[in-house]
Amino acid sequence: MSWFDDSIMARKAVAKGKALTTHSITEASQGKYHYVYGAFVEPVLTVDPGAVVSAETHDAFEGAIKSETDKPSEILNFPYLNPQNGPIWVNGAEKGDCLAVYIESVVPRGPQPRGTTVIMPEFGGLVPTGDTAMLTAPLPERVKKLEITEEKGTVWNDRITLPYEPFIGTIGTAPEIEAISSLVPDYYGGNMDLPDVAPGAVIYLPVNTEGAYLYVGDCHAAQGDGELCGVAIEHPTVTTLRVDLIKGWTIKTPRLENEKFYMTIGSSRPMEDAARGAYRELIRWMAADFGFEEIDAYMLLTQCGRIRLGNMVDPKYTVGASVLKSISGIAR
């Protein structure tokens, strides 16, 4: 039996994590890609729990940066960055439920798949920005276009090739009444840029409105913790998700499960508030579902909890707090 057979998705979801139907969202069927998370546009697809959906995602620039001589500040139209596929309406989803999304695969697409990373003005972890105002001059703009293959990874230069470690930078459900830029991570998911949202993981997302309105995009071929300069190796993909629904499981913020650990995700500023939020939700999860008393879980995580920095560059920072399933009392 694989770990997935005993996952929360397999045990609690309507379709028990099984693949029942298949669907695709191509560039043509998507039509207009979205730059806002909200429930105020028509879904491009309606599915039942148990649907497997393959989506043709764009890179974070919707393909606008084509060569290393391009100047991002002259080409990009902020805030129209981070295009999203969807939304996907999930039948039966109601406020207070939870979407369970198993990430089956993230595959580069295009006849000669290439990735893009850039330096652009007022964006990044070590430069002045609109939120962190300084008199320091911006760094010179720079573009790197990089060859990507699943087998070999990303060719950085003649000496360095990075392994292909794809993940979904932005995924989430619609807020109940807000319409929020796809650049922002928050309680509904969004632009978390957390490398653990990768093939083989299940991400659990709160349902805030009928139908859930699932969005996905912004896939990365590689990224270090924090996404330091602000731009990972952005690339267009075919991303395949298995979408299920857990009725009545109300969660405050996204959660994640893979073979090795359980994780809760917090997005906020300052960064320590993102970490506090993530750890608080992990403690509450351990108390609600694993038989812990809250203070005991607090003390235990002080000894064995782990923190993963997703991004330190977006409008809100994202942190994942996790505990290994191998810890006694956590594994089922």
C-alpha atoms as a PDB file:
ATOM      1  CA  MET A   1       0.000   0.000   0.000  1.00  0.00           C
ATOM      2  CA  SER A   2       1.364   3.444  -0.919  1.00  0.00           C
ATOM      3  CA  TRP A   3       1.307   6.370   1.505  1.00  0.00           C
ATOM      4  CA  PHE A   4      -1.450   7.956  -0.591  1.00  0.00           C
ATOM      5  CA  ASP A   5      -3.844   5.114   0.199  1.00  0.00           C
ATOM      6  CA  ASP A   6      -3.762   6.244   3.831  1.00  0.00           C
ATOM      7  CA  SER A   7      -3.754   9.972   3.093  1.00  0.00           C
ATOM      8  CA  ILE A   8      -6.459  12.284   4.385  1.00  0.00           C
ATOM      9  CA  MET A   9      -7.631  12.721   0.798  1.00  0.00           C
ATOM     10  CA  ALA A  10      -8.036   8.958   0.289  1.00  0.00           C
ATOM     11  CA  ARG A  11      -9.805   8.478   3.627  1.00  0.00           C
ATOM     12  CA  LYS A  12     -12.102  11.516   3.792  1.00  0.00           C
ATOM     13  CA  ALA A  13     -12.798  12.817   0.288  1.00  0.00           C
ATOM     14  CA  VAL A  14     -15.973  12.181  -1.669  1.00  0.00           C
ATOM     15  CA  ALA A  15     -14.209  10.161  -4.387  1.00  0.00           C
ATOM     16  CA  LYS A  16     -11.650   8.732  -1.921  1.00  0.00           C
ATOM     17  CA  GLY A  17      -8.874  10.252  -4.001  1.00  0.00           C
ATOM     18  CA  LYS A  18      -9.688   8.082  -7.014  1.00  0.00           C
ATOM     19  CA  ALA A  19      -9.437   9.296 -10.608  1.00  0.00           C
ATOM     20  CA  LEU A  20     -12.928   9.020 -12.066  1.00  0.00           C
ATOM     21  CA  THR A  21     -13.032  11.402 -15.051  1.00  0.00           C
ATOM     22  CA  THR A  22     -10.473  13.244 -17.193  1.00  0.00           C
ATOM     23  CA  HIS A  23     -10.563  16.803 -18.508  1.00  0.00           C
ATOM     24  CA  SER A  24      -8.187  19.282 -20.123  1.00  0.00           C
ATOM     25  CA  ILE A  25      -7.814  23.042 -20.241  1.00  0.00           C
ATOM     26  CA  THR A  26      -5.823  24.041 -23.311  1.00  0.00           C
ATOM     27  CA  GLU A  27      -4.751  27.562 -24.194  1.00  0.00           C
ATOM     28  CA  ALA A  28      -7.654  27.628 -26.652  1.00  0.00           C
ATOM     29  CA  SER A  29     -10.291  26.437 -24.182  1.00  0.00           C
ATOM     30  CA  GLN A  30      -8.914  28.688 -21.438  1.00  0.00           C
ATOM     31  CA  GLY A  31      -9.127  31.752 -23.642  1.00  0.00           C
ATOM     32  CA  LYS A  32      -8.390  34.676 -21.337  1.00  0.00           C
ATOM     33  CA  TYR A  33      -6.015  33.861 -18.511  1.00  0.00           C
ATOM     34  CA  HIS A  34      -6.862  35.503 -15.197  1.00  0.00           C
ATOM     35  CA  TYR A  35      -4.856  37.825 -12.961  1.00  0.00           C
ATOM     36  CA  VAL A  36      -7.343  37.987 -10.099  1.00  0.00           C
ATOM     37  CA  TYR A  37      -8.618  35.370  -7.647  1.00  0.00           C
ATOM     38  CA  GLY A  38     -12.364  35.748  -7.244  1.00  0.00           C
ATOM     39  CA  ALA A  39     -15.788  34.269  -7.913  1.00  0.00           C
ATOM     40  CA  PHE A  40     -16.836  36.932 -10.387  1.00  0.00           C
ATOM     41  CA  VAL A  41     -15.940  35.265 -13.701  1.00  0.00           C
ATOM     42  CA  GLU A  42     -17.474  32.302 -15.485  1.00  0.00           C
ATOM     43  CA  PRO A  43     -15.759  28.971 -14.784  1.00  0.00           C
ATOM     44  CA  VAL A  44     -13.949  27.497 -17.774  1.00  0.00           C
ATOM     45  CA  LEU A  45     -14.664  23.961 -16.551  1.00  0.00           C
ATOM     46  CA  THR A  46     -17.164  22.228 -14.264  1.00  0.00           C
ATOM     47  CA  VAL A  47     -16.157  18.922 -12.683  1.00  0.00           C
ATOM     48  CA  ASP A  48     -17.324  16.398 -10.132  1.00  0.00           C
ATOM     49  CA  PRO A  49     -15.060  15.243  -7.287  1.00  0.00           C
ATOM     50  CA  GLY A  50     -12.623  12.680  -8.659  1.00  0.00           C
ATOM     51  CA  ALA A  51     -11.796  14.706 -11.775  1.00  0.00           C
ATOM     52  CA  VAL A  52      -8.316  14.645 -13.277  1.00  0.00           C
ATOM     53  CA  VAL A  53      -7.611  17.980 -14.969  1.00  0.00           C
ATOM     54  CA  SER A  54      -4.632  18.740 -17.209  1.00  0.00           C
ATOM     55  CA  ALA A  55      -4.028  22.476 -17.728  1.00  0.00           C
ATOM     56  CA  GLU A  56      -1.732  24.251 -20.166  1.00  0.00           C
ATOM     57  CA  THR A  57      -0.198  26.889 -17.914  1.00  0.00           C
ATOM     58  CA  HIS A  58       1.765  29.946 -19.037  1.00  0.00           C
ATOM     59  CA  ASP A  59       4.906  31.251 -17.420  1.00  0.00           C
ATOM     60  CA  ALA A  60       4.564  34.186 -15.027  1.00  0.00           C
ATOM     61  CA  PHE A  61       4.912  36.662 -17.912  1.00  0.00           C
ATOM     62  CA  GLU A  62       2.404  34.932 -20.244  1.00  0.00           C
ATOM     63  CA  GLY A  63       5.284  34.449 -22.687  1.00  0.00           C
ATOM     64  CA  ALA A  64       5.951  38.177 -23.111  1.00  0.00           C
ATOM     65  CA  ILE A  65       9.704  37.981 -22.407  1.00  0.00           C
ATOM     66  CA  LYS A  66      11.179  36.270 -25.447  1.00  0.00           C
ATOM     67  CA  SER A  67      14.922  36.976 -25.411  1.00  0.00           C
ATOM     68  CA  GLU A  68      17.772  37.947 -23.119  1.00  0.00           C
ATOM     69  CA  THR A  69      17.908  41.387 -24.748  1.00  0.00           C
ATOM     70  CA  ASP A  70      14.358  42.197 -23.614  1.00  0.00           C
ATOM     71  CA  LYS A  71      13.957  44.808 -20.888  1.00  0.00           C
ATOM     72  CA  PRO A  72      11.243  43.691 -18.429  1.00  0.00           C
ATOM     73  CA  SER A  73      10.304  47.230 -17.378  1.00  0.00           C
ATOM     74  CA  GLU A  74       9.482  48.098 -21.000  1.00  0.00           C
ATOM     75  CA  ILE A  75       7.540  44.907 -21.760  1.00  0.00           C
ATOM     76  CA  LEU A  76       5.656  43.887 -18.639  1.00  0.00           C
ATOM     77  CA  ASN A  77       2.440  45.599 -17.626  1.00  0.00           C
ATOM     78  CA  PHE A  78       2.230  45.435 -13.850  1.00  0.00           C
ATOM     79  CA  PRO A  79       0.017  44.134 -12.224  1.00  0.00           C
ATOM     80  CA  TYR A  80      -0.775  41.831 -15.163  1.00  0.00           C
ATOM     81  CA  LEU A  81       1.697  39.174 -14.052  1.00  0.00           C
ATOM     82  CA  ASN A  82       1.130  35.592 -12.908  1.00  0.00           C
ATOM     83  CA  PRO A  83      -1.608  34.369 -15.306  1.00  0.00           C
ATOM     84  CA  GLN A  84      -3.940  31.697 -13.963  1.00  0.00           C
ATOM     85  CA  ASN A  85      -5.855  28.833 -15.532  1.00  0.00           C
ATOM     86  CA  GLY A  86      -9.439  28.383 -14.417  1.00  0.00           C
ATOM     87  CA  PRO A  87     -11.502  28.921 -12.519  1.00  0.00           C
ATOM     88  CA  ILE A  88     -12.735  25.351 -12.162  1.00  0.00           C
ATOM     89  CA  TRP A  89     -16.164  24.868 -10.582  1.00  0.00           C
ATOM     90  CA  VAL A  90     -16.328  21.758  -8.382  1.00  0.00           C
ATOM     91  CA  ASN A  91     -19.841  20.364  -8.043  1.00  0.00           C
ATOM     92  CA  GLY A  92     -20.989  19.997  -4.442  1.00  0.00           C
ATOM     93  CA  ALA A  93     -18.373  22.359  -2.998  1.00  0.00           C
ATOM     94  CA  GLU A  94     -19.801  24.726  -0.384  1.00  0.00           C
ATOM     95  CA  LYS A  95     -18.362  27.217   2.071  1.00  0.00           C
ATOM     96  CA  GLY A  96     -16.796  25.307   4.951  1.00  0.00           C
ATOM     97  CA  ASP A  97     -15.706  22.364   2.801  1.00  0.00           C
ATOM     98  CA  CYS A  98     -12.153  21.630   1.674  1.00  0.00           C
ATOM     99  CA  LEU A  99     -10.741  20.941  -1.786  1.00  0.00           C
ATOM    100  CA  ALA A 100      -8.183  18.136  -1.832  1.00  0.00           C
ATOM    101  CA  VAL A 101      -5.890  18.456  -4.842  1.00  0.00           C
ATOM    102  CA  TYR A 102      -3.347  15.747  -5.617  1.00  0.00           C
ATOM    103  CA  ILE A 103      -0.584  17.019  -7.905  1.00  0.00           C
ATOM    104  CA  GLU A 104       0.037  14.263 -10.426  1.00  0.00           C
ATOM    105  CA  SER A 105       2.609  15.948 -12.672  1.00  0.00           C
ATOM    106  CA  VAL A 106       4.148  19.211 -13.870  1.00  0.00           C
ATOM    107  CA  VAL A 107       5.731  18.801 -17.321  1.00  0.00           C
ATOM    108  CA  PRO A 108       7.478  21.445 -19.487  1.00  0.00           C
ATOM    109  CA  ARG A 109       5.598  22.214 -22.679  1.00  0.00           C
ATOM    110  CA  GLY A 110       6.590  23.582 -26.060  1.00  0.00           C
ATOM    111  CA  PRO A 111       8.743  22.197 -28.874  1.00  0.00           C
ATOM    112  CA  GLN A 112      11.883  23.560 -27.163  1.00  0.00           C
ATOM    113  CA  PRO A 113      10.914  24.223 -23.536  1.00  0.00           C
ATOM    114  CA  ARG A 114      12.662  27.221 -22.026  1.00  0.00           C
ATOM    115  CA  GLY A 115      12.544  28.895 -18.659  1.00  0.00           C
ATOM    116  CA  THR A 116      12.907  32.544 -17.765  1.00  0.00           C
ATOM    117  CA  THR A 117      14.266  34.367 -14.748  1.00  0.00           C
ATOM    118  CA  VAL A 118      14.834  38.109 -14.498  1.00  0.00           C
ATOM    119  CA  ILE A 119      16.019  41.007 -12.403  1.00  0.00           C
ATOM    120  CA  MET A 120      13.542  43.866 -12.598  1.00  0.00           C
ATOM    121  CA  PRO A 121      13.212  47.204 -10.805  1.00  0.00           C
ATOM    122  CA  GLU A 122      11.784  47.356  -7.272  1.00  0.00           C
ATOM    123  CA  PHE A 123      11.301  43.616  -6.953  1.00  0.00           C
ATOM    124  CA  GLY A 124      13.342  41.072  -5.030  1.00  0.00           C
ATOM    125  CA  GLY A 125      14.515  40.151  -1.571  1.00  0.00           C
ATOM    126  CA  LEU A 126      17.685  42.266  -1.394  1.00  0.00           C
ATOM    127  CA  VAL A 127      16.609  45.454  -3.170  1.00  0.00           C
ATOM    128  CA  PRO A 128      14.409  48.457  -2.397  1.00  0.00           C
ATOM    129  CA  THR A 129      10.763  47.914  -3.306  1.00  0.00           C
ATOM    130  CA  GLY A 130       7.497  49.795  -3.131  1.00  0.00           C
ATOM    131  CA  ASP A 131       6.942  48.334   0.354  1.00  0.00           C
ATOM    132  CA  THR A 132      10.571  48.603   1.477  1.00  0.00           C
ATOM    133  CA  ALA A 133      11.398  52.107   0.298  1.00  0.00           C
ATOM    134  CA  MET A 134      15.056  53.138   0.011  1.00  0.00           C
ATOM    135  CA  LEU A 135      17.067  55.718  -1.889  1.00  0.00           C
ATOM    136  CA  THR A 136      19.280  52.974  -3.316  1.00  0.00           C
ATOM    137  CA  ALA A 137      19.234  52.790  -7.112  1.00  0.00           C
ATOM    138  CA  PRO A 138      17.657  49.667  -8.663  1.00  0.00           C
ATOM    139  CA  LEU A 139      19.905  46.889  -9.893  1.00  0.00           C
ATOM    140  CA  PRO A 140      20.467  46.705 -13.668  1.00  0.00           C
ATOM    141  CA  GLU A 141      17.732  44.718 -15.397  1.00  0.00           C
ATOM    142  CA  ARG A 142      18.735  41.267 -16.614  1.00  0.00           C
ATOM    143  CA  VAL A 143      17.041  38.342 -18.353  1.00  0.00           C
ATOM    144  CA  LYS A 144      18.181  34.731 -18.498  1.00  0.00           C
ATOM    145  CA  LYS A 145      16.505  32.317 -20.926  1.00  0.00           C
ATOM    146  CA  LEU A 146      17.266  28.724 -19.996  1.00  0.00           C
ATOM    147  CA  GLU A 147      16.898  25.365 -21.708  1.00  0.00           C
ATOM    148  CA  ILE A 148      14.762  22.908 -19.689  1.00  0.00           C
ATOM    149  CA  THR A 149      14.209  19.180 -19.992  1.00  0.00           C
ATOM    150  CA  GLU A 150      12.647  16.760 -17.524  1.00  0.00           C
ATOM    151  CA  GLU A 151      15.579  14.401 -17.910  1.00  0.00           C
ATOM    152  CA  LYS A 152      18.513  16.805 -17.623  1.00  0.00           C
ATOM    153  CA  GLY A 153      16.987  19.752 -15.785  1.00  0.00           C
ATOM    154  CA  THR A 154      17.760  23.433 -16.343  1.00  0.00           C
ATOM    155  CA  VAL A 155      21.024  24.378 -18.031  1.00  0.00           C
ATOM    156  CA  TRP A 156      22.267  27.467 -16.159  1.00  0.00           C
ATOM    157  CA  ASN A 157      25.632  27.706 -17.920  1.00  0.00           C
ATOM    158  CA  ASP A 158      28.413  25.479 -19.240  1.00  0.00           C
ATOM    159  CA  ARG A 159      29.259  24.296 -15.733  1.00  0.00           C
ATOM    160  CA  ILE A 160      25.950  24.234 -13.867  1.00  0.00           C
ATOM    161  CA  THR A 161      22.783  22.272 -14.569  1.00  0.00           C
ATOM    162  CA  LEU A 162      19.991  22.420 -11.995  1.00  0.00           C
ATOM    163  CA  PRO A 163      17.799  19.332 -11.472  1.00  0.00           C
ATOM    164  CA  TYR A 164      14.233  19.583 -12.709  1.00  0.00           C
ATOM    165  CA  GLU A 165      12.280  20.054  -9.467  1.00  0.00           C
ATOM    166  CA  PRO A 166       8.940  21.433 -10.640  1.00  0.00           C
ATOM    167  CA  PHE A 167       6.185  22.758  -8.451  1.00  0.00           C
ATOM    168  CA  ILE A 168       3.106  24.978  -8.618  1.00  0.00           C
ATOM    169  CA  GLY A 169       3.853  28.540  -7.569  1.00  0.00           C
ATOM    170  CA  THR A 170       0.240  29.690  -7.446  1.00  0.00           C
ATOM    171  CA  ILE A 171      -2.858  27.632  -6.662  1.00  0.00           C
ATOM    172  CA  GLY A 172      -5.959  28.389  -4.652  1.00  0.00           C
ATOM    173  CA  THR A 173      -9.680  28.913  -4.380  1.00  0.00           C
ATOM    174  CA  ALA A 174     -11.743  32.088  -4.676  1.00  0.00           C
ATOM    175  CA  PRO A 175     -12.197  34.304  -1.626  1.00  0.00           C
ATOM    176  CA  GLU A 176     -15.819  34.725  -0.597  1.00  0.00           C
ATOM    177  CA  ILE A 177     -16.324  38.388  -1.532  1.00  0.00           C
ATOM    178  CA  GLU A 178     -12.921  39.819  -2.467  1.00  0.00           C
ATOM    179  CA  ALA A 179     -11.214  39.899  -5.837  1.00  0.00           C
ATOM    180  CA  ILE A 180      -7.466  39.704  -5.123  1.00  0.00           C
ATOM    181  CA  SER A 181      -4.439  39.907  -7.423  1.00  0.00           C
ATOM    182  CA  SER A 182      -2.896  36.566  -8.354  1.00  0.00           C
ATOM    183  CA  LEU A 183       0.407  37.998  -7.085  1.00  0.00           C
ATOM    184  CA  VAL A 184      -0.856  37.819  -3.492  1.00  0.00           C
ATOM    185  CA  PRO A 185      -0.843  34.736  -1.228  1.00  0.00           C
ATOM    186  CA  ASP A 186      -3.311  34.503   1.654  1.00  0.00           C
ATOM    187  CA  TYR A 187      -5.809  32.241   3.428  1.00  0.00           C
ATOM    188  CA  TYR A 188      -7.202  30.896   0.125  1.00  0.00           C
ATOM    189  CA  GLY A 189      -3.779  29.911  -1.254  1.00  0.00           C
ATOM    190  CA  GLY A 190      -2.623  32.068  -4.160  1.00  0.00           C
ATOM    191  CA  ASN A 191       0.969  33.011  -4.940  1.00  0.00           C
ATOM    192  CA  MET A 192       2.643  31.034  -2.171  1.00  0.00           C
ATOM    193  CA  ASP A 193       5.730  29.989  -4.192  1.00  0.00           C
ATOM    194  CA  LEU A 194       6.264  27.067  -1.834  1.00  0.00           C
ATOM    195  CA  PRO A 195       8.411  24.324  -3.412  1.00  0.00           C
ATOM    196  CA  ASP A 196       6.608  21.565  -1.487  1.00  0.00           C
ATOM    197  CA  VAL A 197       3.491  22.133  -3.651  1.00  0.00           C
ATOM    198  CA  ALA A 198       5.027  19.606  -5.995  1.00  0.00           C
ATOM    199  CA  PRO A 199       4.135  16.385  -7.830  1.00  0.00           C
ATOM    200  CA  GLY A 200       3.289  13.666  -5.345  1.00  0.00           C
ATOM    201  CA  ALA A 201       1.811  16.035  -2.758  1.00  0.00           C
ATOM    202  CA  VAL A 202      -1.783  16.786  -1.783  1.00  0.00           C
ATOM    203  CA  ILE A 203      -2.693  20.381  -1.077  1.00  0.00           C
ATOM    204  CA  TYR A 204      -5.834  21.057   0.952  1.00  0.00           C
ATOM    205  CA  LEU A 205      -7.551  24.363   0.202  1.00  0.00           C
ATOM    206  CA  PRO A 206     -10.425  26.030   2.073  1.00  0.00           C
ATOM    207  CA  VAL A 207     -13.682  26.430   0.140  1.00  0.00           C
ATOM    208  CA  ASN A 208     -14.961  29.952   0.690  1.00  0.00           C
ATOM    209  CA  THR A 209     -17.844  30.068  -1.788  1.00  0.00           C
ATOM    210  CA  GLU A 210     -20.082  27.678  -3.708  1.00  0.00           C
ATOM    211  CA  GLY A 211     -18.208  25.800  -6.430  1.00  0.00           C
ATOM    212  CA  ALA A 212     -14.800  26.586  -4.881  1.00  0.00           C
ATOM    213  CA  TYR A 213     -13.455  28.267  -8.057  1.00  0.00           C
ATOM    214  CA  LEU A 214     -10.066  26.559  -8.299  1.00  0.00           C
ATOM    215  CA  TYR A 215      -7.257  28.480 -10.013  1.00  0.00           C
ATOM    216  CA  VAL A 216      -3.739  27.258 -10.917  1.00  0.00           C
ATOM    217  CA  GLY A 217      -0.665  28.651 -12.664  1.00  0.00           C
ATOM    218  CA  ASP A 218       2.859  30.031 -12.248  1.00  0.00           C
ATOM    219  CA  CYS A 219       4.772  26.749 -12.355  1.00  0.00           C
ATOM    220  CA  HIS A 220       8.496  26.746 -11.597  1.00  0.00           C
ATOM    221  CA  ALA A 221      11.226  24.419 -12.859  1.00  0.00           C
ATOM    222  CA  ALA A 222      13.418  25.203  -9.846  1.00  0.00           C
ATOM    223  CA  GLN A 223      13.484  27.639  -6.945  1.00  0.00           C
ATOM    224  CA  GLY A 224      15.552  28.134  -3.829  1.00  0.00           C
ATOM    225  CA  ASP A 225      13.994  28.869  -0.460  1.00  0.00           C
ATOM    226  CA  GLY A 226      12.663  32.432  -0.399  1.00  0.00           C
ATOM    227  CA  GLU A 227      12.706  32.976  -4.203  1.00  0.00           C
ATOM    228  CA  LEU A 228      15.456  35.467  -3.427  1.00  0.00           C
ATOM    229  CA  CYS A 229      15.596  37.728  -6.498  1.00  0.00           C
ATOM    230  CA  GLY A 230      11.819  37.497  -6.866  1.00  0.00           C
ATOM    231  CA  VAL A 231      11.690  35.326  -9.987  1.00  0.00           C
ATOM    232  CA  ALA A 232      12.204  31.551 -10.037  1.00  0.00           C
ATOM    233  CA  ILE A 233      12.726  29.614 -13.261  1.00  0.00           C
ATOM    234  CA  GLU A 234       9.328  30.367 -14.733  1.00  0.00           C
ATOM    235  CA  HIS A 235       8.140  28.030 -17.485  1.00  0.00           C
ATOM    236  CA  PRO A 236       4.998  26.989 -19.353  1.00  0.00           C
ATOM    237  CA  THR A 237       3.741  23.525 -18.455  1.00  0.00           C
ATOM    238  CA  VAL A 238       1.105  20.888 -18.717  1.00  0.00           C
ATOM    239  CA  THR A 239       0.094  20.480 -15.083  1.00  0.00           C
ATOM    240  CA  THR A 240      -2.150  17.589 -14.093  1.00  0.00           C
ATOM    241  CA  LEU A 241      -4.257  17.674 -10.928  1.00  0.00           C
ATOM    242  CA  ARG A 242      -6.644  15.217  -9.293  1.00  0.00           C
ATOM    243  CA  VAL A 243      -9.423  17.226  -7.679  1.00  0.00           C
ATOM    244  CA  ASP A 244     -11.555  15.905  -4.827  1.00  0.00           C
ATOM    245  CA  LEU A 245     -13.774  17.344  -2.114  1.00  0.00           C
ATOM    246  CA  ILE A 246     -13.874  16.821   1.652  1.00  0.00           C
ATOM    247  CA  LYS A 247     -17.300  17.783   2.967  1.00  0.00           C
ATOM    248  CA  GLY A 248     -17.469  19.611   6.282  1.00  0.00           C
ATOM    249  CA  TRP A 249     -13.716  19.736   6.881  1.00  0.00           C
ATOM    250  CA  THR A 250     -13.261  23.457   7.574  1.00  0.00           C
ATOM    251  CA  ILE A 251      -9.685  24.717   7.528  1.00  0.00           C
ATOM    252  CA  LYS A 252      -8.477  28.289   8.021  1.00  0.00           C
ATOM    253  CA  THR A 253      -5.508  28.244   5.643  1.00  0.00           C
ATOM    254  CA  PRO A 254      -3.963  25.793   3.140  1.00  0.00           C
ATOM    255  CA  ARG A 255      -2.513  22.527   4.348  1.00  0.00           C
ATOM    256  CA  LEU A 256      -0.274  20.025   2.602  1.00  0.00           C
ATOM    257  CA  GLU A 257       0.488  16.347   2.919  1.00  0.00           C
ATOM    258  CA  ASN A 258       3.087  14.199   1.239  1.00  0.00           C
ATOM    259  CA  GLU A 259       4.775  10.896   1.950  1.00  0.00           C
ATOM    260  CA  LYS A 260       6.970  12.333   4.716  1.00  0.00           C
ATOM    261  CA  PHE A 261       5.145  15.123   6.527  1.00  0.00           C
ATOM    262  CA  TYR A 262       2.072  17.215   7.284  1.00  0.00           C
ATOM    263  CA  MET A 263       2.380  20.960   6.663  1.00  0.00           C
ATOM    264  CA  THR A 264       0.335  24.068   7.338  1.00  0.00           C
ATOM    265  CA  ILE A 265       0.916  27.253   5.344  1.00  0.00           C
ATOM    266  CA  GLY A 266       0.852  30.857   6.535  1.00  0.00           C
ATOM    267  CA  SER A 267       1.124  34.036   4.442  1.00  0.00           C
ATOM    268  CA  SER A 268       1.618  37.412   6.080  1.00  0.00           C
ATOM    269  CA  ARG A 269       3.990  40.293   6.754  1.00  0.00           C
ATOM    270  CA  PRO A 270       6.219  40.504   8.692  1.00  0.00           C
ATOM    271  CA  MET A 271       7.705  37.074   8.065  1.00  0.00           C
ATOM    272  CA  GLU A 272       7.511  36.046  11.714  1.00  0.00           C
ATOM    273  CA  ASP A 273       3.715  36.466  11.575  1.00  0.00           C
ATOM    274  CA  ALA A 274       3.601  34.073   8.608  1.00  0.00           C
ATOM    275  CA  ALA A 275       5.602  31.569  10.686  1.00  0.00           C
ATOM    276  CA  ARG A 276       3.388  32.102  13.728  1.00  0.00           C
ATOM    277  CA  GLY A 277       0.234  31.590  11.667  1.00  0.00           C
ATOM    278  CA  ALA A 278       1.581  28.421  10.086  1.00  0.00           C
ATOM    279  CA  TYR A 279       2.674  26.929  13.409  1.00  0.00           C
ATOM    280  CA  ARG A 280      -0.587  27.875  15.141  1.00  0.00           C
ATOM    281  CA  GLU A 281      -2.611  26.047  12.488  1.00  0.00           C
ATOM    282  CA  LEU A 282      -0.322  23.015  12.729  1.00  0.00           C
ATOM    283  CA  ILE A 283      -0.832  22.891  16.499  1.00  0.00           C
ATOM    284  CA  ARG A 284      -4.601  23.162  16.078  1.00  0.00           C
ATOM    285  CA  TRP A 285      -4.548  20.415  13.424  1.00  0.00           C
ATOM    286  CA  MET A 286      -2.578  18.122  15.728  1.00  0.00           C
ATOM    287  CA  ALA A 287      -5.073  18.784  18.523  1.00  0.00           C
ATOM    288  CA  ALA A 288      -8.172  18.310  16.351  1.00  0.00           C
ATOM    289  CA  ASP A 289      -7.158  15.236  14.338  1.00  0.00           C
ATOM    290  CA  PHE A 290      -4.231  13.520  16.076  1.00  0.00           C
ATOM    291  CA  GLY A 291      -5.244  13.498  19.734  1.00  0.00           C
ATOM    292  CA  PHE A 292      -2.779  16.053  21.039  1.00  0.00           C
ATOM    293  CA  GLU A 293      -3.435  18.589  23.749  1.00  0.00           C
ATOM    294  CA  GLU A 294      -2.567  22.036  22.331  1.00  0.00           C
ATOM    295  CA  ILE A 295       0.123  22.940  24.856  1.00  0.00           C
ATOM    296  CA  ASP A 296       1.769  19.532  24.464  1.00  0.00           C
ATOM    297  CA  ALA A 297       1.781  19.958  20.657  1.00  0.00           C
ATOM    298  CA  TYR A 298       3.285  23.446  21.138  1.00  0.00           C
ATOM    299  CA  MET A 299       6.063  21.996  23.268  1.00  0.00           C
ATOM    300  CA  LEU A 300       6.638  19.045  20.904  1.00  0.00           C
ATOM    301  CA  LEU A 301       6.944  21.244  17.815  1.00  0.00           C
ATOM    302  CA  THR A 302       9.501  23.347  19.675  1.00  0.00           C
ATOM    303  CA  GLN A 303      11.725  20.261  19.501  1.00  0.00           C
ATOM    304  CA  CYS A 304      10.890  18.801  16.068  1.00  0.00           C
ATOM    305  CA  GLY A 305       8.919  21.296  13.989  1.00  0.00           C
ATOM    306  CA  ARG A 306      10.301  22.400  10.636  1.00  0.00           C
ATOM    307  CA  ILE A 307       9.947  25.681   8.748  1.00  0.00           C
ATOM    308  CA  ARG A 308      10.097  26.113   4.958  1.00  0.00           C
ATOM    309  CA  LEU A 309      10.353  29.598   3.478  1.00  0.00           C
ATOM    310  CA  GLY A 310       8.342  29.817   0.281  1.00  0.00           C
ATOM    311  CA  ASN A 311       8.708  33.438  -0.742  1.00  0.00           C
ATOM    312  CA  MET A 312      10.203  36.551   0.859  1.00  0.00           C
ATOM    313  CA  VAL A 313       9.372  38.846  -2.067  1.00  0.00           C
ATOM    314  CA  ASP A 314       5.615  38.857  -2.695  1.00  0.00           C
ATOM    315  CA  PRO A 315       3.038  41.250  -1.188  1.00  0.00           C
ATOM    316  CA  LYS A 316       2.790  38.724   1.656  1.00  0.00           C
ATOM    317  CA  TYR A 317       5.524  36.279   2.660  1.00  0.00           C
ATOM    318  CA  THR A 318       4.754  32.552   2.791  1.00  0.00           C
ATOM    319  CA  VAL A 319       6.040  30.012   5.302  1.00  0.00           C
ATOM    320  CA  GLY A 320       5.229  26.307   5.704  1.00  0.00           C
ATOM    321  CA  ALA A 321       5.386  24.662   9.144  1.00  0.00           C
ATOM    322  CA  SER A 322       5.643  20.882   9.141  1.00  0.00           C
ATOM    323  CA  VAL A 323       6.015  17.812  11.305  1.00  0.00           C
ATOM    324  CA  LEU A 324       7.336  14.462  10.130  1.00  0.00           C
ATOM    325  CA  LYS A 325       4.882  11.589   9.966  1.00  0.00           C
ATOM    326  CA  SER A 326       7.584   9.393  11.468  1.00  0.00           C
ATOM    327  CA  ILE A 327       7.262  11.245  14.774  1.00  0.00           C
ATOM    328  CA  SER A 328       5.479   8.935  17.204  1.00  0.00           C
ATOM    329  CA  GLY A 329       1.835   9.887  17.526  1.00  0.00           C
ATOM    330  CA  ILE A 330       1.653  11.659  14.159  1.00  0.00           C
ATOM    331  CA  ALA A 331       1.677   8.702  11.774  1.00  0.00           C
ATOM    332  CA  ARG A 332      -1.583   6.779  11.641  1.00  0.00           C
END
